[in-house]
Amino acid sequence: MAYRTSSIRLARVLTKQSQLTAHRSISMAALQPQNYSINNILCASRSSSLISNYNNNNTYCHSFSTKPEEEQPSDEAAAAQSPSSEDTEETTTNDASEEDKITKLETQIKDLKDQVLRSLAEQENVRSIAKRDVQNAKTFAITSFAKSLLDTSDNLSRALDAVPEELRHDHENQPVLANLYEGITMTEAGLNKAFNKNGLKKFGEKGEKFDPNIHEALFEYPDPEGEVGNIGQVMKVGFMLNERVVRPAEVGVVKAP
């Protein structure tokens, strides 16, 4: 590159000198055409030789140069490449509109995701409620049937309590009464067994701690032999179906004297 630059400078200097020499020779020839004709011819030949040498040197430098010649862009190409203010404004407007669209789409996606999650949660709640209802229906399907048999159980208990204790097993003197008592006892035992098999159990015995959730206190009375707050008398036993109270026990509670 340094060699090329120096050769180009030398060629430019020689060209200027040849031009000046040729101009001088022409002016001198115009003033003295006969005396300087030979000199004019020599100067012209020298200038032509210098120009040819410049062209040869320039060709020689181009042959050794490895840098490709850069083409200068034209005015139309530069104008086409440089964006105008209108194009810039339009690009900015397009970018803003695209950002608005993206924001709207993200909002819609968020809303749809929220709706889907709510729908799934609602479906799960409905499924759980339906499952619980089915289970309750299976567990407490016999509630109304059990309630209808509670009076029968109460009547059997009253019939047994009506027989005096000394006559309950007197098969010699009172065989009919003893056999009746035995039959009623077997009937009550079978009924209680059927109740227990289906989850229906009795509760409410003398001496239990009073619980207002499962017991119904009909009255209070002082009892020196009983503990305060316990059940002293049972008027009607209670029944519980699968840990749910079907009928509370009607009891009398011992109070402080």
C-alpha atoms as a PDB file:
ATOM      1  CA  MET A   1       0.000   0.000   0.000  1.00  0.00           C
ATOM      2  CA  ALA A   2       2.851   2.428   0.796  1.00  0.00           C
ATOM      3  CA  TYR A   3       4.456   1.639  -2.596  1.00  0.00           C
ATOM      4  CA  ARG A   4       1.184   2.286  -4.386  1.00  0.00           C
ATOM      5  CA  THR A   5       0.660   5.657  -2.630  1.00  0.00           C
ATOM      6  CA  SER A   6       4.155   6.898  -3.417  1.00  0.00           C
ATOM      7  CA  SER A   7       3.880   5.868  -7.073  1.00  0.00           C
ATOM      8  CA  ILE A   8       0.544   7.658  -7.433  1.00  0.00           C
ATOM      9  CA  ARG A   9       2.003  10.837  -5.936  1.00  0.00           C
ATOM     10  CA  LEU A  10       5.011  10.664  -8.271  1.00  0.00           C
ATOM     11  CA  ALA A  11       2.762  10.183 -11.266  1.00  0.00           C
ATOM     12  CA  ARG A  12       0.651  13.197 -10.309  1.00  0.00           C
ATOM     13  CA  VAL A  13       3.757  15.409  -9.962  1.00  0.00           C
ATOM     14  CA  LEU A  14       5.104  14.287 -13.333  1.00  0.00           C
ATOM     15  CA  THR A  15       1.747  14.926 -14.962  1.00  0.00           C
ATOM     16  CA  LYS A  16       1.594  18.476 -13.624  1.00  0.00           C
ATOM     17  CA  GLN A  17       5.148  19.171 -14.796  1.00  0.00           C
ATOM     18  CA  SER A  18       4.397  17.796 -18.248  1.00  0.00           C
ATOM     19  CA  GLN A  19       1.269  19.912 -18.515  1.00  0.00           C
ATOM     20  CA  LEU A  20       3.189  23.057 -17.493  1.00  0.00           C
ATOM     21  CA  THR A  21       5.962  22.252 -19.908  1.00  0.00           C
ATOM     22  CA  ALA A  22       3.535  21.643 -22.739  1.00  0.00           C
ATOM     23  CA  HIS A  23       1.729  24.927 -21.991  1.00  0.00           C
ATOM     24  CA  ARG A  24       5.001  26.842 -21.972  1.00  0.00           C
ATOM     25  CA  SER A  25       6.137  25.253 -25.173  1.00  0.00           C
ATOM     26  CA  ILE A  26       2.870  26.135 -26.890  1.00  0.00           C
ATOM     27  CA  SER A  27       3.099  29.751 -25.726  1.00  0.00           C
ATOM     28  CA  MET A  28       6.723  30.018 -26.822  1.00  0.00           C
ATOM     29  CA  ALA A  29       5.922  28.458 -30.146  1.00  0.00           C
ATOM     30  CA  ALA A  30       3.226  31.012 -30.686  1.00  0.00           C
ATOM     31  CA  LEU A  31       5.711  33.798 -30.025  1.00  0.00           C
ATOM     32  CA  GLN A  32       8.678  32.296 -31.925  1.00  0.00           C
ATOM     33  CA  PRO A  33       7.419  29.583 -34.143  1.00  0.00           C
ATOM     34  CA  GLN A  34      10.550  29.119 -36.205  1.00  0.00           C
ATOM     35  CA  ASN A  35      13.152  29.097 -33.416  1.00  0.00           C
ATOM     36  CA  TYR A  36      11.294  26.881 -30.898  1.00  0.00           C
ATOM     37  CA  SER A  37       9.621  24.362 -33.135  1.00  0.00           C
ATOM     38  CA  ILE A  38      12.202  21.777 -32.357  1.00  0.00           C
ATOM     39  CA  ASN A  39      11.941  22.413 -28.610  1.00  0.00           C
ATOM     40  CA  ASN A  40       8.171  22.200 -28.811  1.00  0.00           C
ATOM     41  CA  ILE A  41       8.403  18.853 -30.431  1.00  0.00           C
ATOM     42  CA  LEU A  42      10.835  17.622 -27.780  1.00  0.00           C
ATOM     43  CA  CYS A  43       8.616  18.853 -24.950  1.00  0.00           C
ATOM     44  CA  ALA A  44       5.588  17.227 -26.465  1.00  0.00           C
ATOM     45  CA  SER A  45       7.468  13.991 -26.832  1.00  0.00           C
ATOM     46  CA  ARG A  46       8.659  14.238 -23.223  1.00  0.00           C
ATOM     47  CA  SER A  47       5.150  14.922 -21.941  1.00  0.00           C
ATOM     48  CA  SER A  48       3.729  12.026 -23.897  1.00  0.00           C
ATOM     49  CA  SER A  49       6.439   9.774 -22.518  1.00  0.00           C
ATOM     50  CA  LEU A  50       5.720  10.960 -18.984  1.00  0.00           C
ATOM     51  CA  ILE A  51       1.984  10.280 -19.408  1.00  0.00           C
ATOM     52  CA  SER A  52       2.705   6.822 -20.773  1.00  0.00           C
ATOM     53  CA  ASN A  53       5.039   6.158 -17.833  1.00  0.00           C
ATOM     54  CA  TYR A  54       2.309   7.304 -15.420  1.00  0.00           C
ATOM     55  CA  ASN A  55      -0.183   4.963 -17.026  1.00  0.00           C
ATOM     56  CA  ASN A  56       2.282   2.095 -16.912  1.00  0.00           C
ATOM     57  CA  ASN A  57       3.061   2.765 -13.234  1.00  0.00           C
ATOM     58  CA  ASN A  58      -0.603   2.983 -12.378  1.00  0.00           C
ATOM     59  CA  THR A  59      -1.272  -0.326 -14.137  1.00  0.00           C
ATOM     60  CA  TYR A  60       1.682  -1.884 -12.368  1.00  0.00           C
ATOM     61  CA  CYS A  61       0.437  -0.723  -8.939  1.00  0.00           C
ATOM     62  CA  HIS A  62      -3.038  -2.037  -9.641  1.00  0.00           C
ATOM     63  CA  SER A  63      -1.589  -5.420 -10.547  1.00  0.00           C
ATOM     64  CA  PHE A  64       0.216  -5.670  -7.187  1.00  0.00           C
ATOM     65  CA  SER A  65      -2.696  -4.320  -5.094  1.00  0.00           C
ATOM     66  CA  THR A  66      -4.804  -6.911  -3.244  1.00  0.00           C
ATOM     67  CA  LYS A  67      -7.460  -4.529  -1.900  1.00  0.00           C
ATOM     68  CA  PRO A  68     -10.641  -4.572  -3.955  1.00  0.00           C
ATOM     69  CA  GLU A  69     -11.736  -1.266  -5.330  1.00  0.00           C
ATOM     70  CA  GLU A  70     -14.543   0.225  -3.303  1.00  0.00           C
ATOM     71  CA  GLU A  71     -17.466   1.452  -5.249  1.00  0.00           C
ATOM     72  CA  GLN A  72     -18.837   4.740  -4.047  1.00  0.00           C
ATOM     73  CA  PRO A  73     -22.575   4.547  -3.569  1.00  0.00           C
ATOM     74  CA  SER A  74     -24.595   6.798  -5.750  1.00  0.00           C
ATOM     75  CA  ASP A  75     -26.869   9.503  -4.414  1.00  0.00           C
ATOM     76  CA  GLU A  76     -30.002   7.489  -5.207  1.00  0.00           C
ATOM     77  CA  ALA A  77     -28.675   4.411  -3.397  1.00  0.00           C
ATOM     78  CA  ALA A  78     -27.666   6.509  -0.367  1.00  0.00           C
ATOM     79  CA  ALA A  79     -31.093   8.096  -0.322  1.00  0.00           C
ATOM     80  CA  ALA A  80     -32.705   4.682  -0.553  1.00  0.00           C
ATOM     81  CA  GLN A  81     -30.561   3.321   2.280  1.00  0.00           C
ATOM     82  CA  SER A  82     -31.083   6.274   4.622  1.00  0.00           C
ATOM     83  CA  PRO A  83     -34.535   6.018   6.240  1.00  0.00           C
ATOM     84  CA  SER A  84     -36.759   9.022   6.040  1.00  0.00           C
ATOM     85  CA  SER A  85     -38.660  10.570   8.939  1.00  0.00           C
ATOM     86  CA  GLU A  86     -41.985   9.214   7.630  1.00  0.00           C
ATOM     87  CA  ASP A  87     -40.595   5.690   7.504  1.00  0.00           C
ATOM     88  CA  THR A  88     -39.259   6.087  11.033  1.00  0.00           C
ATOM     89  CA  GLU A  89     -42.631   7.291  12.327  1.00  0.00           C
ATOM     90  CA  GLU A  90     -44.419   4.464  10.558  1.00  0.00           C
ATOM     91  CA  THR A  91     -41.990   1.929  12.038  1.00  0.00           C
ATOM     92  CA  THR A  92     -42.516   3.380  15.519  1.00  0.00           C
ATOM     93  CA  THR A  93     -46.297   3.235  15.080  1.00  0.00           C
ATOM     94  CA  ASN A  94     -46.108  -0.373  13.914  1.00  0.00           C
ATOM     95  CA  ASP A  95     -43.939  -1.302  16.905  1.00  0.00           C
ATOM     96  CA  ALA A  96     -46.398   0.365  19.287  1.00  0.00           C
ATOM     97  CA  SER A  97     -49.362  -1.416  17.710  1.00  0.00           C
ATOM     98  CA  GLU A  98     -47.545  -4.763  17.913  1.00  0.00           C
ATOM     99  CA  GLU A  99     -46.775  -4.154  21.599  1.00  0.00           C
ATOM    100  CA  ASP A 100     -50.450  -3.352  22.232  1.00  0.00           C
ATOM    101  CA  LYS A 101     -51.484  -6.551  20.475  1.00  0.00           C
ATOM    102  CA  ILE A 102     -49.001  -8.579  22.529  1.00  0.00           C
ATOM    103  CA  THR A 103     -50.281  -6.975  25.747  1.00  0.00           C
ATOM    104  CA  LYS A 104     -53.899  -7.746  24.818  1.00  0.00           C
ATOM    105  CA  LEU A 105     -53.025 -11.341  23.954  1.00  0.00           C
ATOM    106  CA  GLU A 106     -51.175 -11.813  27.237  1.00  0.00           C
ATOM    107  CA  THR A 107     -54.197 -10.421  29.123  1.00  0.00           C
ATOM    108  CA  GLN A 108     -56.535 -12.758  27.258  1.00  0.00           C
ATOM    109  CA  ILE A 109     -54.277 -15.728  27.988  1.00  0.00           C
ATOM    110  CA  LYS A 110     -54.200 -14.826  31.689  1.00  0.00           C
ATOM    111  CA  ASP A 111     -58.000 -14.516  31.818  1.00  0.00           C
ATOM    112  CA  LEU A 112     -58.510 -17.804  30.000  1.00  0.00           C
ATOM    113  CA  LYS A 113     -56.058 -19.553  32.313  1.00  0.00           C
ATOM    114  CA  ASP A 114     -57.897 -18.159  35.338  1.00  0.00           C
ATOM    115  CA  GLN A 115     -61.229 -19.332  33.920  1.00  0.00           C
ATOM    116  CA  VAL A 116     -59.856 -22.815  33.244  1.00  0.00           C
ATOM    117  CA  LEU A 117     -58.463 -23.110  36.767  1.00  0.00           C
ATOM    118  CA  ARG A 118     -61.749 -21.924  38.269  1.00  0.00           C
ATOM    119  CA  SER A 119     -63.667 -24.376  36.108  1.00  0.00           C
ATOM    120  CA  LEU A 120     -61.414 -27.247  37.175  1.00  0.00           C
ATOM    121  CA  ALA A 121     -61.755 -26.278  40.842  1.00  0.00           C
ATOM    122  CA  GLU A 122     -65.528 -26.070  40.499  1.00  0.00           C
ATOM    123  CA  GLN A 123     -65.656 -29.474  38.822  1.00  0.00           C
ATOM    124  CA  GLU A 124     -63.543 -30.940  41.603  1.00  0.00           C
ATOM    125  CA  ASN A 125     -65.863 -29.454  44.223  1.00  0.00           C
ATOM    126  CA  VAL A 126     -68.917 -30.825  42.420  1.00  0.00           C
ATOM    127  CA  ARG A 127     -67.249 -34.236  42.199  1.00  0.00           C
ATOM    128  CA  SER A 128     -66.402 -34.195  45.908  1.00  0.00           C
ATOM    129  CA  ILE A 129     -69.921 -33.116  46.890  1.00  0.00           C
ATOM    130  CA  ALA A 130     -71.483 -35.792  44.680  1.00  0.00           C
ATOM    131  CA  LYS A 131     -69.161 -38.427  46.138  1.00  0.00           C
ATOM    132  CA  ARG A 132     -70.027 -37.335  49.685  1.00  0.00           C
ATOM    133  CA  ASP A 133     -73.740 -37.342  48.914  1.00  0.00           C
ATOM    134  CA  VAL A 134     -73.527 -40.840  47.474  1.00  0.00           C
ATOM    135  CA  GLN A 135     -71.607 -42.042  50.514  1.00  0.00           C
ATOM    136  CA  ASN A 136     -74.103 -40.420  52.877  1.00  0.00           C
ATOM    137  CA  ALA A 137     -76.973 -41.915  50.931  1.00  0.00           C
ATOM    138  CA  LYS A 138     -75.458 -45.372  51.323  1.00  0.00           C
ATOM    139  CA  THR A 139     -74.603 -44.851  54.984  1.00  0.00           C
ATOM    140  CA  PHE A 140     -77.835 -43.262  56.159  1.00  0.00           C
ATOM    141  CA  ALA A 141     -80.295 -44.799  53.737  1.00  0.00           C
ATOM    142  CA  ILE A 142     -81.979 -46.732  56.532  1.00  0.00           C
ATOM    143  CA  THR A 143     -82.421 -43.744  58.805  1.00  0.00           C
ATOM    144  CA  SER A 144     -86.171 -43.445  58.299  1.00  0.00           C
ATOM    145  CA  PHE A 145     -86.602 -47.240  58.526  1.00  0.00           C
ATOM    146  CA  ALA A 146     -84.564 -47.345  61.755  1.00  0.00           C
ATOM    147  CA  LYS A 147     -86.620 -44.547  63.288  1.00  0.00           C
ATOM    148  CA  SER A 148     -89.800 -46.495  62.592  1.00  0.00           C
ATOM    149  CA  LEU A 149     -88.409 -49.471  64.552  1.00  0.00           C
ATOM    150  CA  LEU A 150     -87.291 -47.486  67.566  1.00  0.00           C
ATOM    151  CA  ASP A 151     -90.776 -47.471  69.077  1.00  0.00           C
ATOM    152  CA  THR A 152     -90.901 -51.255  68.712  1.00  0.00           C
ATOM    153  CA  SER A 153     -87.633 -51.560  70.593  1.00  0.00           C
ATOM    154  CA  ASP A 154     -88.971 -49.246  73.327  1.00  0.00           C
ATOM    155  CA  ASN A 155     -92.135 -51.353  73.687  1.00  0.00           C
ATOM    156  CA  LEU A 156     -90.111 -54.544  74.038  1.00  0.00           C
ATOM    157  CA  SER A 157     -87.984 -52.916  76.734  1.00  0.00           C
ATOM    158  CA  ARG A 158     -91.090 -51.761  78.614  1.00  0.00           C
ATOM    159  CA  ALA A 159     -92.598 -55.287  78.416  1.00  0.00           C
ATOM    160  CA  LEU A 160     -89.433 -56.768  79.917  1.00  0.00           C
ATOM    161  CA  ASP A 161     -89.313 -54.156  82.685  1.00  0.00           C
ATOM    162  CA  ALA A 162     -92.979 -54.904  83.546  1.00  0.00           C
ATOM    163  CA  VAL A 163     -92.199 -58.485  84.609  1.00  0.00           C
ATOM    164  CA  PRO A 164     -91.104 -58.738  88.253  1.00  0.00           C
ATOM    165  CA  GLU A 165     -87.600 -60.016  88.740  1.00  0.00           C
ATOM    166  CA  GLU A 166     -88.654 -62.929  90.960  1.00  0.00           C
ATOM    167  CA  LEU A 167     -91.042 -64.248  88.321  1.00  0.00           C
ATOM    168  CA  ARG A 168     -88.860 -63.862  85.237  1.00  0.00           C
ATOM    169  CA  HIS A 169     -87.258 -67.299  85.593  1.00  0.00           C
ATOM    170  CA  ASP A 170     -89.889 -69.125  87.667  1.00  0.00           C
ATOM    171  CA  HIS A 171     -90.752 -71.932  85.273  1.00  0.00           C
ATOM    172  CA  GLU A 172     -92.393 -74.051  88.033  1.00  0.00           C
ATOM    173  CA  ASN A 173     -94.911 -71.622  89.469  1.00  0.00           C
ATOM    174  CA  GLN A 174     -95.207 -69.168  86.559  1.00  0.00           C
ATOM    175  CA  PRO A 175     -94.152 -71.119  83.459  1.00  0.00           C
ATOM    176  CA  VAL A 176     -96.224 -69.007  81.053  1.00  0.00           C
ATOM    177  CA  LEU A 177     -94.863 -65.712  82.320  1.00  0.00           C
ATOM    178  CA  ALA A 178     -91.335 -67.073  82.415  1.00  0.00           C
ATOM    179  CA  ASN A 179     -91.601 -68.382  78.846  1.00  0.00           C
ATOM    180  CA  LEU A 180     -93.118 -65.079  77.684  1.00  0.00           C
ATOM    181  CA  TYR A 181     -90.328 -63.169  79.310  1.00  0.00           C
ATOM    182  CA  GLU A 182     -87.771 -65.414  77.650  1.00  0.00           C
ATOM    183  CA  GLY A 183     -89.434 -64.978  74.236  1.00  0.00           C
ATOM    184  CA  ILE A 184     -89.520 -61.194  74.550  1.00  0.00           C
ATOM    185  CA  THR A 185     -85.874 -61.207  75.608  1.00  0.00           C
ATOM    186  CA  MET A 186     -84.904 -63.244  72.536  1.00  0.00           C
ATOM    187  CA  THR A 187     -86.909 -60.906  70.281  1.00  0.00           C
ATOM    188  CA  GLU A 188     -85.238 -57.834  71.715  1.00  0.00           C
ATOM    189  CA  ALA A 189     -81.807 -59.473  71.382  1.00  0.00           C
ATOM    190  CA  GLY A 190     -82.481 -60.299  67.702  1.00  0.00           C
ATOM    191  CA  LEU A 191     -83.655 -56.758  67.021  1.00  0.00           C
ATOM    192  CA  ASN A 192     -80.609 -55.243  68.693  1.00  0.00           C
ATOM    193  CA  LYS A 193     -78.374 -57.586  66.695  1.00  0.00           C
ATOM    194  CA  ALA A 194     -79.988 -56.391  63.471  1.00  0.00           C
ATOM    195  CA  PHE A 195     -79.539 -52.805  64.610  1.00  0.00           C
ATOM    196  CA  ASN A 196     -75.839 -53.317  65.337  1.00  0.00           C
ATOM    197  CA  LYS A 197     -75.320 -55.048  62.002  1.00  0.00           C
ATOM    198  CA  ASN A 198     -76.614 -51.967  60.177  1.00  0.00           C
ATOM    199  CA  GLY A 199     -74.722 -49.441  62.325  1.00  0.00           C
ATOM    200  CA  LEU A 200     -77.546 -48.567  64.715  1.00  0.00           C
ATOM    201  CA  LYS A 201     -76.438 -48.634  68.347  1.00  0.00           C
ATOM    202  CA  LYS A 202     -78.036 -47.856  71.706  1.00  0.00           C
ATOM    203  CA  PHE A 203     -76.583 -45.366  74.149  1.00  0.00           C
ATOM    204  CA  GLY A 204     -77.649 -43.714  77.373  1.00  0.00           C
ATOM    205  CA  GLU A 205     -77.049 -45.655  80.551  1.00  0.00           C
ATOM    206  CA  LYS A 206     -77.135 -44.747  84.198  1.00  0.00           C
ATOM    207  CA  GLY A 207     -73.833 -43.365  85.443  1.00  0.00           C
ATOM    208  CA  GLU A 208     -72.677 -41.916  82.089  1.00  0.00           C
ATOM    209  CA  LYS A 209     -71.426 -38.342  81.858  1.00  0.00           C
ATOM    210  CA  PHE A 210     -74.073 -36.011  80.575  1.00  0.00           C
ATOM    211  CA  ASP A 211     -73.344 -34.736  77.035  1.00  0.00           C
ATOM    212  CA  PRO A 212     -75.765 -32.141  75.642  1.00  0.00           C
ATOM    213  CA  ASN A 213     -74.876 -33.195  72.096  1.00  0.00           C
ATOM    214  CA  ILE A 214     -76.334 -36.664  72.487  1.00  0.00           C
ATOM    215  CA  HIS A 215     -78.426 -36.450  75.666  1.00  0.00           C
ATOM    216  CA  GLU A 216     -81.618 -34.562  76.397  1.00  0.00           C
ATOM    217  CA  ALA A 217     -82.039 -33.633  80.059  1.00  0.00           C
ATOM    218  CA  LEU A 218     -85.689 -33.789  81.123  1.00  0.00           C
ATOM    219  CA  PHE A 219     -85.072 -32.881  84.746  1.00  0.00           C
ATOM    220  CA  GLU A 220     -82.446 -32.568  87.464  1.00  0.00           C
ATOM    221  CA  TYR A 221     -82.650 -34.038  90.945  1.00  0.00           C
ATOM    222  CA  PRO A 222     -80.324 -34.370  93.938  1.00  0.00           C
ATOM    223  CA  ASP A 223     -78.907 -37.825  94.541  1.00  0.00           C
ATOM    224  CA  PRO A 224     -76.399 -38.369  97.345  1.00  0.00           C
ATOM    225  CA  GLU A 225     -75.316 -41.680  95.829  1.00  0.00           C
ATOM    226  CA  GLY A 226     -74.752 -40.278  92.327  1.00  0.00           C
ATOM    227  CA  GLU A 227     -72.069 -37.942  91.006  1.00  0.00           C
ATOM    228  CA  VAL A 228     -73.080 -34.432  90.067  1.00  0.00           C
ATOM    229  CA  GLY A 229     -73.352 -34.019  86.306  1.00  0.00           C
ATOM    230  CA  ASN A 230     -73.910 -37.701  85.552  1.00  0.00           C
ATOM    231  CA  ILE A 231     -77.033 -39.448  84.335  1.00  0.00           C
ATOM    232  CA  GLY A 232     -79.138 -40.688  87.240  1.00  0.00           C
ATOM    233  CA  GLN A 233     -82.196 -41.980  85.423  1.00  0.00           C
ATOM    234  CA  VAL A 234     -82.866 -43.054  81.826  1.00  0.00           C
ATOM    235  CA  MET A 235     -86.384 -42.383  80.616  1.00  0.00           C
ATOM    236  CA  LYS A 236     -85.758 -43.378  77.013  1.00  0.00           C
ATOM    237  CA  VAL A 237     -82.574 -44.741  75.477  1.00  0.00           C
ATOM    238  CA  GLY A 238     -80.978 -43.025  72.515  1.00  0.00           C
ATOM    239  CA  PHE A 239     -79.867 -44.435  69.161  1.00  0.00           C
ATOM    240  CA  MET A 240     -76.924 -43.507  66.968  1.00  0.00           C
ATOM    241  CA  LEU A 241     -76.582 -44.505  63.283  1.00  0.00           C
ATOM    242  CA  ASN A 242     -72.965 -44.578  62.037  1.00  0.00           C
ATOM    243  CA  GLU A 243     -71.816 -42.005  64.621  1.00  0.00           C
ATOM    244  CA  ARG A 244     -74.798 -39.754  63.858  1.00  0.00           C
ATOM    245  CA  VAL A 245     -77.490 -39.228  66.483  1.00  0.00           C
ATOM    246  CA  VAL A 246     -80.832 -40.531  65.279  1.00  0.00           C
ATOM    247  CA  ARG A 247     -82.593 -39.965  68.597  1.00  0.00           C
ATOM    248  CA  PRO A 248     -81.098 -38.373  71.735  1.00  0.00           C
ATOM    249  CA  ALA A 249     -81.454 -40.163  75.048  1.00  0.00           C
ATOM    250  CA  GLU A 250     -83.987 -38.696  77.440  1.00  0.00           C
ATOM    251  CA  VAL A 251     -82.425 -38.706  80.887  1.00  0.00           C
ATOM    252  CA  GLY A 252     -82.527 -37.213  84.380  1.00  0.00           C
ATOM    253  CA  VAL A 253     -79.288 -35.549  85.573  1.00  0.00           C
ATOM    254  CA  VAL A 254     -77.924 -35.577  89.096  1.00  0.00           C
ATOM    255  CA  LYS A 255     -77.410 -32.110  90.612  1.00  0.00           C
ATOM    256  CA  ALA A 256     -75.733 -30.864  93.749  1.00  0.00           C
ATOM    257  CA  PRO A 257     -77.925 -31.075  96.906  1.00  0.00           C
END
